[in-house]
Amino acid sequence: MMTQYNIVSAVNEIVASTLNCSIHGVQPEKHLCYDLLADSLALLDISLALEDKFKIEYKEEFLAETEYVKDLYSIVGKALSTSQQLS
């Protein structure tokens, strides 16, 4: 089972890698678009990378809920708990 620390670390790595920014700049309260300068294509790339890394389905409605880095942590956590309940 993934711990919250593992989720945060992996999400931060994916965001930093996708946006080509320092991992130290990826903080929970950072707005993905305004602070980290992600555009819609970058958000899609992040969601696909999260699906691949965590073996989850990043549903379309999740994209509408995604504004801050902390939203990614929450969405991944929810998706992981849902997928574990189904197995």
PDB file of N, CA and C in Angstrom:
ATOM      1  N   MET A   1       0.836  -1.190   0.000  1.00  0.00           N
ATOM      2  CA  MET A   1       0.000   0.000   0.000  1.00  0.00           C
ATOM      3  C   MET A   1       0.882   1.255   0.000  1.00  0.00           C
ATOM      4  N   MET A   2       0.471   2.226  -0.781  1.00  0.00           N
ATOM      5  CA  MET A   2       1.207   3.482  -0.887  1.00  0.00           C
ATOM      6  C   MET A   2       0.927   4.364   0.322  1.00  0.00           C
ATOM      7  N   THR A   3       1.978   4.910   0.890  1.00  0.00           N
ATOM      8  CA  THR A   3       1.801   5.865   1.983  1.00  0.00           C
ATOM      9  C   THR A   3       1.579   7.257   1.393  1.00  0.00           C
ATOM     10  N   GLN A   4       1.080   8.169   2.207  1.00  0.00           N
ATOM     11  CA  GLN A   4       0.879   9.544   1.753  1.00  0.00           C
ATOM     12  C   GLN A   4       2.214  10.160   1.327  1.00  0.00           C
ATOM     13  N   TYR A   5       3.274   9.832   2.047  1.00  0.00           N
ATOM     14  CA  TYR A   5       4.603  10.345   1.694  1.00  0.00           C
ATOM     15  C   TYR A   5       5.010   9.870   0.298  1.00  0.00           C
ATOM     16  N   ASN A   6       4.765   8.584   0.001  1.00  0.00           N
ATOM     17  CA  ASN A   6       5.105   8.044  -1.319  1.00  0.00           C
ATOM     18  C   ASN A   6       4.300   8.719  -2.423  1.00  0.00           C
ATOM     19  N   ILE A   7       3.028   8.967  -2.146  1.00  0.00           N
ATOM     20  CA  ILE A   7       2.171   9.636  -3.125  1.00  0.00           C
ATOM     21  C   ILE A   7       2.683  11.048  -3.388  1.00  0.00           C
ATOM     22  N   VAL A   8       2.944  11.795  -2.325  1.00  0.00           N
ATOM     23  CA  VAL A   8       3.425  13.177  -2.458  1.00  0.00           C
ATOM     24  C   VAL A   8       4.744  13.212  -3.226  1.00  0.00           C
ATOM     25  N   SER A   9       5.666  12.343  -2.875  1.00  0.00           N
ATOM     26  CA  SER A   9       6.976  12.316  -3.545  1.00  0.00           C
ATOM     27  C   SER A   9       6.841  12.011  -5.032  1.00  0.00           C
ATOM     28  N   ALA A  10       6.052  10.999  -5.357  1.00  0.00           N
ATOM     29  CA  ALA A  10       5.893  10.605  -6.759  1.00  0.00           C
ATOM     30  C   ALA A  10       5.173  11.688  -7.558  1.00  0.00           C
ATOM     31  N   VAL A  11       4.125  12.267  -6.986  1.00  0.00           N
ATOM     32  CA  VAL A  11       3.396  13.340  -7.676  1.00  0.00           C
ATOM     33  C   VAL A  11       4.321  14.531  -7.906  1.00  0.00           C
ATOM     34  N   ASN A  12       5.081  14.917  -6.897  1.00  0.00           N
ATOM     35  CA  ASN A  12       6.007  16.043  -7.046  1.00  0.00           C
ATOM     36  C   ASN A  12       7.028  15.782  -8.146  1.00  0.00           C
ATOM     37  N   GLU A  13       7.550  14.562  -8.212  1.00  0.00           N
ATOM     38  CA  GLU A  13       8.517  14.213  -9.259  1.00  0.00           C
ATOM     39  C   GLU A  13       7.886  14.324 -10.640  1.00  0.00           C
ATOM     40  N   ILE A  14       6.659  13.828 -10.773  1.00  0.00           N
ATOM     41  CA  ILE A  14       5.969  13.886 -12.066  1.00  0.00           C
ATOM     42  C   ILE A  14       5.710  15.333 -12.472  1.00  0.00           C
ATOM     43  N   VAL A  15       5.237  16.145 -11.549  1.00  0.00           N
ATOM     44  CA  VAL A  15       4.955  17.554 -11.854  1.00  0.00           C
ATOM     45  C   VAL A  15       6.244  18.277 -12.246  1.00  0.00           C
ATOM     46  N   ALA A  16       7.294  18.099 -11.467  1.00  0.00           N
ATOM     47  CA  ALA A  16       8.568  18.768 -11.764  1.00  0.00           C
ATOM     48  C   ALA A  16       9.118  18.334 -13.117  1.00  0.00           C
ATOM     49  N   SER A  17       9.052  17.046 -13.385  1.00  0.00           N
ATOM     50  CA  SER A  17       9.564  16.521 -14.648  1.00  0.00           C
ATOM     51  C   SER A  17       8.743  17.031 -15.836  1.00  0.00           C
ATOM     52  N   THR A  18       7.430  16.982 -15.712  1.00  0.00           N
ATOM     53  CA  THR A  18       6.554  17.404 -16.804  1.00  0.00           C
ATOM     54  C   THR A  18       6.679  18.896 -17.085  1.00  0.00           C
ATOM     55  N   LEU A  19       6.779  19.688 -16.025  1.00  0.00           N
ATOM     56  CA  LEU A  19       6.837  21.144 -16.187  1.00  0.00           C
ATOM     57  C   LEU A  19       8.262  21.673 -16.275  1.00  0.00           C
ATOM     58  N   ASN A  20       9.231  20.760 -16.212  1.00  0.00           N
ATOM     59  CA  ASN A  20      10.639  21.133 -16.305  1.00  0.00           C
ATOM     60  C   ASN A  20      10.995  22.222 -15.289  1.00  0.00           C
ATOM     61  N   CYS A  21      10.608  21.968 -14.036  1.00  0.00           N
ATOM     62  CA  CYS A  21      10.915  22.920 -12.969  1.00  0.00           C
ATOM     63  C   CYS A  21      11.572  22.179 -11.807  1.00  0.00           C
ATOM     64  N   SER A  22      12.080  22.927 -10.868  1.00  0.00           N
ATOM     65  CA  SER A  22      12.727  22.342  -9.696  1.00  0.00           C
ATOM     66  C   SER A  22      11.697  21.641  -8.823  1.00  0.00           C
ATOM     67  N   ILE A  23      12.058  20.474  -8.321  1.00  0.00           N
ATOM     68  CA  ILE A  23      11.153  19.746  -7.431  1.00  0.00           C
ATOM     69  C   ILE A  23      10.907  20.540  -6.152  1.00  0.00           C
ATOM     70  N   HIS A  24      11.847  21.398  -5.783  1.00  0.00           N
ATOM     71  CA  HIS A  24      11.690  22.222  -4.581  1.00  0.00           C
ATOM     72  C   HIS A  24      10.611  23.290  -4.762  1.00  0.00           C
ATOM     73  N   GLY A  25      10.314  23.629  -6.006  1.00  0.00           N
ATOM     74  CA  GLY A  25       9.266  24.599  -6.286  1.00  0.00           C
ATOM     75  C   GLY A  25       7.873  24.001  -6.304  1.00  0.00           C
ATOM     76  N   VAL A  26       7.802  22.681  -6.301  1.00  0.00           N
ATOM     77  CA  VAL A  26       6.510  21.993  -6.325  1.00  0.00           C
ATOM     78  C   VAL A  26       6.045  21.811  -4.883  1.00  0.00           C
ATOM     79  N   GLN A  27       5.139  22.675  -4.470  1.00  0.00           N
ATOM     80  CA  GLN A  27       4.619  22.680  -3.100  1.00  0.00           C
ATOM     81  C   GLN A  27       3.099  22.509  -3.140  1.00  0.00           C
ATOM     82  N   PRO A  28       2.512  21.956  -2.070  1.00  0.00           N
ATOM     83  CA  PRO A  28       1.063  21.677  -2.073  1.00  0.00           C
ATOM     84  C   PRO A  28       0.189  22.879  -2.416  1.00  0.00           C
ATOM     85  N   GLU A  29       0.581  24.065  -1.961  1.00  0.00           N
ATOM     86  CA  GLU A  29      -0.260  25.247  -2.157  1.00  0.00           C
ATOM     87  C   GLU A  29      -0.017  25.958  -3.489  1.00  0.00           C
ATOM     88  N   LYS A  30       0.879  25.437  -4.305  1.00  0.00           N
ATOM     89  CA  LYS A  30       1.170  26.070  -5.599  1.00  0.00           C
ATOM     90  C   LYS A  30       0.048  25.774  -6.592  1.00  0.00           C
ATOM     91  N   HIS A  31      -0.401  26.822  -7.261  1.00  0.00           N
ATOM     92  CA  HIS A  31      -1.410  26.677  -8.308  1.00  0.00           C
ATOM     93  C   HIS A  31      -0.694  26.152  -9.550  1.00  0.00           C
ATOM     94  N   LEU A  32      -1.232  25.106 -10.133  1.00  0.00           N
ATOM     95  CA  LEU A  32      -0.551  24.476 -11.266  1.00  0.00           C
ATOM     96  C   LEU A  32      -0.401  25.428 -12.454  1.00  0.00           C
ATOM     97  N   CYS A  33      -1.427  26.212 -12.734  1.00  0.00           N
ATOM     98  CA  CYS A  33      -1.365  27.105 -13.892  1.00  0.00           C
ATOM     99  C   CYS A  33      -0.717  28.450 -13.577  1.00  0.00           C
ATOM    100  N   TYR A  34      -1.133  29.079 -12.495  1.00  0.00           N
ATOM    101  CA  TYR A  34      -0.646  30.429 -12.195  1.00  0.00           C
ATOM    102  C   TYR A  34       0.760  30.450 -11.601  1.00  0.00           C
ATOM    103  N   ASP A  35       1.060  29.497 -10.730  1.00  0.00           N
ATOM    104  CA  ASP A  35       2.377  29.480 -10.084  1.00  0.00           C
ATOM    105  C   ASP A  35       3.402  28.648 -10.849  1.00  0.00           C
ATOM    106  N   LEU A  36       2.962  27.494 -11.354  1.00  0.00           N
ATOM    107  CA  LEU A  36       3.901  26.579 -12.015  1.00  0.00           C
ATOM    108  C   LEU A  36       3.809  26.632 -13.538  1.00  0.00           C
ATOM    109  N   LEU A  37       2.906  27.471 -14.040  1.00  0.00           N
ATOM    110  CA  LEU A  37       2.781  27.765 -15.474  1.00  0.00           C
ATOM    111  C   LEU A  37       2.418  26.559 -16.338  1.00  0.00           C
ATOM    112  N   ALA A  38       1.600  25.672 -15.790  1.00  0.00           N
ATOM    113  CA  ALA A  38       1.119  24.529 -16.572  1.00  0.00           C
ATOM    114  C   ALA A  38      -0.011  24.996 -17.489  1.00  0.00           C
ATOM    115  N   ASP A  39       0.021  24.532 -18.729  1.00  0.00           N
ATOM    116  CA  ASP A  39      -1.101  24.795 -19.625  1.00  0.00           C
ATOM    117  C   ASP A  39      -1.950  23.522 -19.707  1.00  0.00           C
ATOM    118  N   SER A  40      -2.992  23.547 -20.513  1.00  0.00           N
ATOM    119  CA  SER A  40      -3.908  22.402 -20.569  1.00  0.00           C
ATOM    120  C   SER A  40      -3.210  21.136 -21.059  1.00  0.00           C
ATOM    121  N   LEU A  41      -2.280  21.277 -21.978  1.00  0.00           N
ATOM    122  CA  LEU A  41      -1.548  20.111 -22.473  1.00  0.00           C
ATOM    123  C   LEU A  41      -0.651  19.529 -21.379  1.00  0.00           C
ATOM    124  N   ALA A  42      -0.019  20.383 -20.603  1.00  0.00           N
ATOM    125  CA  ALA A  42       0.822  19.916 -19.491  1.00  0.00           C
ATOM    126  C   ALA A  42      -0.027  19.204 -18.441  1.00  0.00           C
ATOM    127  N   LEU A  43      -1.232  19.724 -18.166  1.00  0.00           N
ATOM    128  CA  LEU A  43      -2.120  19.060 -17.208  1.00  0.00           C
ATOM    129  C   LEU A  43      -2.520  17.677 -17.705  1.00  0.00           C
ATOM    130  N   LEU A  44      -2.753  17.569 -19.001  1.00  0.00           N
ATOM    131  CA  LEU A  44      -3.070  16.263 -19.585  1.00  0.00           C
ATOM    132  C   LEU A  44      -1.874  15.324 -19.463  1.00  0.00           C
ATOM    133  N   ASP A  45      -0.680  15.827 -19.744  1.00  0.00           N
ATOM    134  CA  ASP A  45       0.537  15.015 -19.598  1.00  0.00           C
ATOM    135  C   ASP A  45       0.719  14.542 -18.156  1.00  0.00           C
ATOM    136  N   ILE A  46       0.456  15.422 -17.202  1.00  0.00           N
ATOM    137  CA  ILE A  46       0.567  15.056 -15.786  1.00  0.00           C
ATOM    138  C   ILE A  46      -0.435  13.959 -15.457  1.00  0.00           C
ATOM    139  N   SER A  47      -1.676  14.124 -15.918  1.00  0.00           N
ATOM    140  CA  SER A  47      -2.699  13.118 -15.608  1.00  0.00           C
ATOM    141  C   SER A  47      -2.346  11.763 -16.217  1.00  0.00           C
ATOM    142  N   LEU A  48      -1.812  11.751 -17.421  1.00  0.00           N
ATOM    143  CA  LEU A  48      -1.404  10.488 -18.053  1.00  0.00           C
ATOM    144  C   LEU A  48      -0.233   9.852 -17.310  1.00  0.00           C
ATOM    145  N   ALA A  49       0.705  10.668 -16.869  1.00  0.00           N
ATOM    146  CA  ALA A  49       1.845  10.148 -16.106  1.00  0.00           C
ATOM    147  C   ALA A  49       1.388   9.577 -14.766  1.00  0.00           C
ATOM    148  N   LEU A  50       0.405  10.230 -14.130  1.00  0.00           N
ATOM    149  CA  LEU A  50      -0.137   9.723 -12.865  1.00  0.00           C
ATOM    150  C   LEU A  50      -0.843   8.388 -13.081  1.00  0.00           C
ATOM    151  N   GLU A  51      -1.588   8.284 -14.180  1.00  0.00           N
ATOM    152  CA  GLU A  51      -2.243   7.009 -14.499  1.00  0.00           C
ATOM    153  C   GLU A  51      -1.217   5.897 -14.657  1.00  0.00           C
ATOM    154  N   ASP A  52      -0.161   6.204 -15.375  1.00  0.00           N
ATOM    155  CA  ASP A  52       0.882   5.210 -15.628  1.00  0.00           C
ATOM    156  C   ASP A  52       1.613   4.821 -14.347  1.00  0.00           C
ATOM    157  N   LYS A  53       1.978   5.792 -13.554  1.00  0.00           N
ATOM    158  CA  LYS A  53       2.748   5.548 -12.328  1.00  0.00           C
ATOM    159  C   LYS A  53       1.943   4.770 -11.291  1.00  0.00           C
ATOM    160  N   PHE A  54       0.700   5.182 -11.079  1.00  0.00           N
ATOM    161  CA  PHE A  54      -0.098   4.608  -9.998  1.00  0.00           C
ATOM    162  C   PHE A  54      -1.083   3.537 -10.465  1.00  0.00           C
ATOM    163  N   LYS A  55      -1.150   3.312 -11.785  1.00  0.00           N
ATOM    164  CA  LYS A  55      -2.088   2.322 -12.342  1.00  0.00           C
ATOM    165  C   LYS A  55      -3.525   2.653 -11.937  1.00  0.00           C
ATOM    166  N   ILE A  56      -3.897   3.922 -12.138  1.00  0.00           N
ATOM    167  CA  ILE A  56      -5.237   4.401 -11.805  1.00  0.00           C
ATOM    168  C   ILE A  56      -5.872   4.991 -13.052  1.00  0.00           C
ATOM    169  N   GLU A  57      -7.163   5.262 -12.957  1.00  0.00           N
ATOM    170  CA  GLU A  57      -7.851   5.991 -14.013  1.00  0.00           C
ATOM    171  C   GLU A  57      -8.042   7.423 -13.537  1.00  0.00           C
ATOM    172  N   TYR A  58      -7.417   8.364 -14.233  1.00  0.00           N
ATOM    173  CA  TYR A  58      -7.552   9.787 -13.900  1.00  0.00           C
ATOM    174  C   TYR A  58      -8.734  10.295 -14.712  1.00  0.00           C
ATOM    175  N   LYS A  59      -9.900  10.256 -14.107  1.00  0.00           N
ATOM    176  CA  LYS A  59     -11.145  10.546 -14.820  1.00  0.00           C
ATOM    177  C   LYS A  59     -11.217  12.006 -15.258  1.00  0.00           C
ATOM    178  N   GLU A  60     -12.027  12.226 -16.296  1.00  0.00           N
ATOM    179  CA  GLU A  60     -12.179  13.573 -16.840  1.00  0.00           C
ATOM    180  C   GLU A  60     -12.631  14.582 -15.795  1.00  0.00           C
ATOM    181  N   GLU A  61     -13.541  14.157 -14.915  1.00  0.00           N
ATOM    182  CA  GLU A  61     -14.029  15.098 -13.903  1.00  0.00           C
ATOM    183  C   GLU A  61     -12.929  15.504 -12.929  1.00  0.00           C
ATOM    184  N   PHE A  62     -11.886  14.673 -12.803  1.00  0.00           N
ATOM    185  CA  PHE A  62     -10.756  15.024 -11.940  1.00  0.00           C
ATOM    186  C   PHE A  62     -10.017  16.246 -12.486  1.00  0.00           C
ATOM    187  N   LEU A  63      -9.958  16.361 -13.815  1.00  0.00           N
ATOM    188  CA  LEU A  63      -9.256  17.503 -14.411  1.00  0.00           C
ATOM    189  C   LEU A  63      -9.903  18.820 -13.987  1.00  0.00           C
ATOM    190  N   ALA A  64     -11.227  18.823 -13.890  1.00  0.00           N
ATOM    191  CA  ALA A  64     -11.931  20.039 -13.473  1.00  0.00           C
ATOM    192  C   ALA A  64     -11.634  20.382 -12.017  1.00  0.00           C
ATOM    193  N   GLU A  65     -11.305  19.375 -11.215  1.00  0.00           N
ATOM    194  CA  GLU A  65     -11.014  19.578  -9.791  1.00  0.00           C
ATOM    195  C   GLU A  65      -9.546  19.918  -9.534  1.00  0.00           C
ATOM    196  N   THR A  66      -8.735  19.881 -10.569  1.00  0.00           N
ATOM    197  CA  THR A  66      -7.295  20.025 -10.403  1.00  0.00           C
ATOM    198  C   THR A  66      -6.859  21.468 -10.612  1.00  0.00           C
ATOM    199  N   GLU A  67      -6.546  22.145  -9.513  1.00  0.00           N
ATOM    200  CA  GLU A  67      -6.016  23.502  -9.590  1.00  0.00           C
ATOM    201  C   GLU A  67      -4.660  23.604  -8.910  1.00  0.00           C
ATOM    202  N   TYR A  68      -4.556  22.995  -7.755  1.00  0.00           N
ATOM    203  CA  TYR A  68      -3.346  23.085  -6.939  1.00  0.00           C
ATOM    204  C   TYR A  68      -2.644  21.732  -6.891  1.00  0.00           C
ATOM    205  N   VAL A  69      -1.369  21.749  -6.558  1.00  0.00           N
ATOM    206  CA  VAL A  69      -0.604  20.510  -6.433  1.00  0.00           C
ATOM    207  C   VAL A  69      -1.273  19.585  -5.416  1.00  0.00           C
ATOM    208  N   LYS A  70      -1.773  20.153  -4.322  1.00  0.00           N
ATOM    209  CA  LYS A  70      -2.421  19.331  -3.290  1.00  0.00           C
ATOM    210  C   LYS A  70      -3.652  18.609  -3.828  1.00  0.00           C
ATOM    211  N   ASP A  71      -4.291  19.159  -4.858  1.00  0.00           N
ATOM    212  CA  ASP A  71      -5.434  18.475  -5.473  1.00  0.00           C
ATOM    213  C   ASP A  71      -4.989  17.166  -6.117  1.00  0.00           C
ATOM    214  N   LEU A  72      -3.797  17.168  -6.683  1.00  0.00           N
ATOM    215  CA  LEU A  72      -3.268  15.939  -7.287  1.00  0.00           C
ATOM    216  C   LEU A  72      -3.073  14.861  -6.232  1.00  0.00           C
ATOM    217  N   TYR A  73      -2.539  15.248  -5.067  1.00  0.00           N
ATOM    218  CA  TYR A  73      -2.349  14.275  -3.984  1.00  0.00           C
ATOM    219  C   TYR A  73      -3.684  13.644  -3.601  1.00  0.00           C
ATOM    220  N   SER A  74      -4.685  14.491  -3.445  1.00  0.00           N
ATOM    221  CA  SER A  74      -6.006  14.038  -3.023  1.00  0.00           C
ATOM    222  C   SER A  74      -6.638  13.110  -4.058  1.00  0.00           C
ATOM    223  N   ILE A  75      -6.566  13.494  -5.319  1.00  0.00           N
ATOM    224  CA  ILE A  75      -7.164  12.701  -6.389  1.00  0.00           C
ATOM    225  C   ILE A  75      -6.484  11.344  -6.503  1.00  0.00           C
ATOM    226  N   VAL A  76      -5.161  11.323  -6.446  1.00  0.00           N
ATOM    227  CA  VAL A  76      -4.436  10.047  -6.514  1.00  0.00           C
ATOM    228  C   VAL A  76      -4.800   9.177  -5.317  1.00  0.00           C
ATOM    229  N   GLY A  77      -4.839   9.767  -4.138  1.00  0.00           N
ATOM    230  CA  GLY A  77      -5.209   9.009  -2.939  1.00  0.00           C
ATOM    231  C   GLY A  77      -6.588   8.394  -3.052  1.00  0.00           C
ATOM    232  N   LYS A  78      -7.561   9.182  -3.530  1.00  0.00           N
ATOM    233  CA  LYS A  78      -8.927   8.675  -3.707  1.00  0.00           C
ATOM    234  C   LYS A  78      -8.967   7.564  -4.750  1.00  0.00           C
ATOM    235  N   ALA A  79      -8.285   7.777  -5.863  1.00  0.00           N
ATOM    236  CA  ALA A  79      -8.287   6.774  -6.934  1.00  0.00           C
ATOM    237  C   ALA A  79      -7.634   5.478  -6.467  1.00  0.00           C
ATOM    238  N   LEU A  80      -6.560   5.586  -5.698  1.00  0.00           N
ATOM    239  CA  LEU A  80      -5.899   4.384  -5.178  1.00  0.00           C
ATOM    240  C   LEU A  80      -6.799   3.639  -4.206  1.00  0.00           C
ATOM    241  N   SER A  81      -7.494   4.353  -3.342  1.00  0.00           N
ATOM    242  CA  SER A  81      -8.362   3.672  -2.376  1.00  0.00           C
ATOM    243  C   SER A  81      -9.550   3.030  -3.084  1.00  0.00           C
ATOM    244  N   THR A  82     -10.053   3.669  -4.135  1.00  0.00           N
ATOM    245  CA  THR A  82     -11.150   3.085  -4.912  1.00  0.00           C
ATOM    246  C   THR A  82     -10.687   1.830  -5.635  1.00  0.00           C
ATOM    247  N   SER A  83      -9.496   1.878  -6.237  1.00  0.00           N
ATOM    248  CA  SER A  83      -9.004   0.706  -6.976  1.00  0.00           C
ATOM    249  C   SER A  83      -8.694  -0.450  -6.032  1.00  0.00           C
ATOM    250  N   GLN A  84      -8.254  -0.159  -4.814  1.00  0.00           N
ATOM    251  CA  GLN A  84      -7.978  -1.223  -3.841  1.00  0.00           C
ATOM    252  C   GLN A  84      -9.272  -1.850  -3.348  1.00  0.00           C
ATOM    253  N   GLN A  85     -10.330  -1.061  -3.243  1.00  0.00           N
ATOM    254  CA  GLN A  85     -11.618  -1.599  -2.816  1.00  0.00           C
ATOM    255  C   GLN A  85     -12.205  -2.511  -3.879  1.00  0.00           C
ATOM    256  N   LEU A  86     -11.915  -2.218  -5.144  1.00  0.00           N
ATOM    257  CA  LEU A  86     -12.444  -3.023  -6.238  1.00  0.00           C
ATOM    258  C   LEU A  86     -11.703  -4.342  -6.408  1.00  0.00           C
ATOM    259  N   SER A  87     -10.449  -4.408  -5.940  1.00  0.00           N
ATOM    260  CA  SER A  87      -9.688  -5.645  -6.139  1.00  0.00           C
ATOM    261  C   SER A  87      -9.904  -6.646  -5.047  1.00  0.00           C
TER     262      SER A  87
END
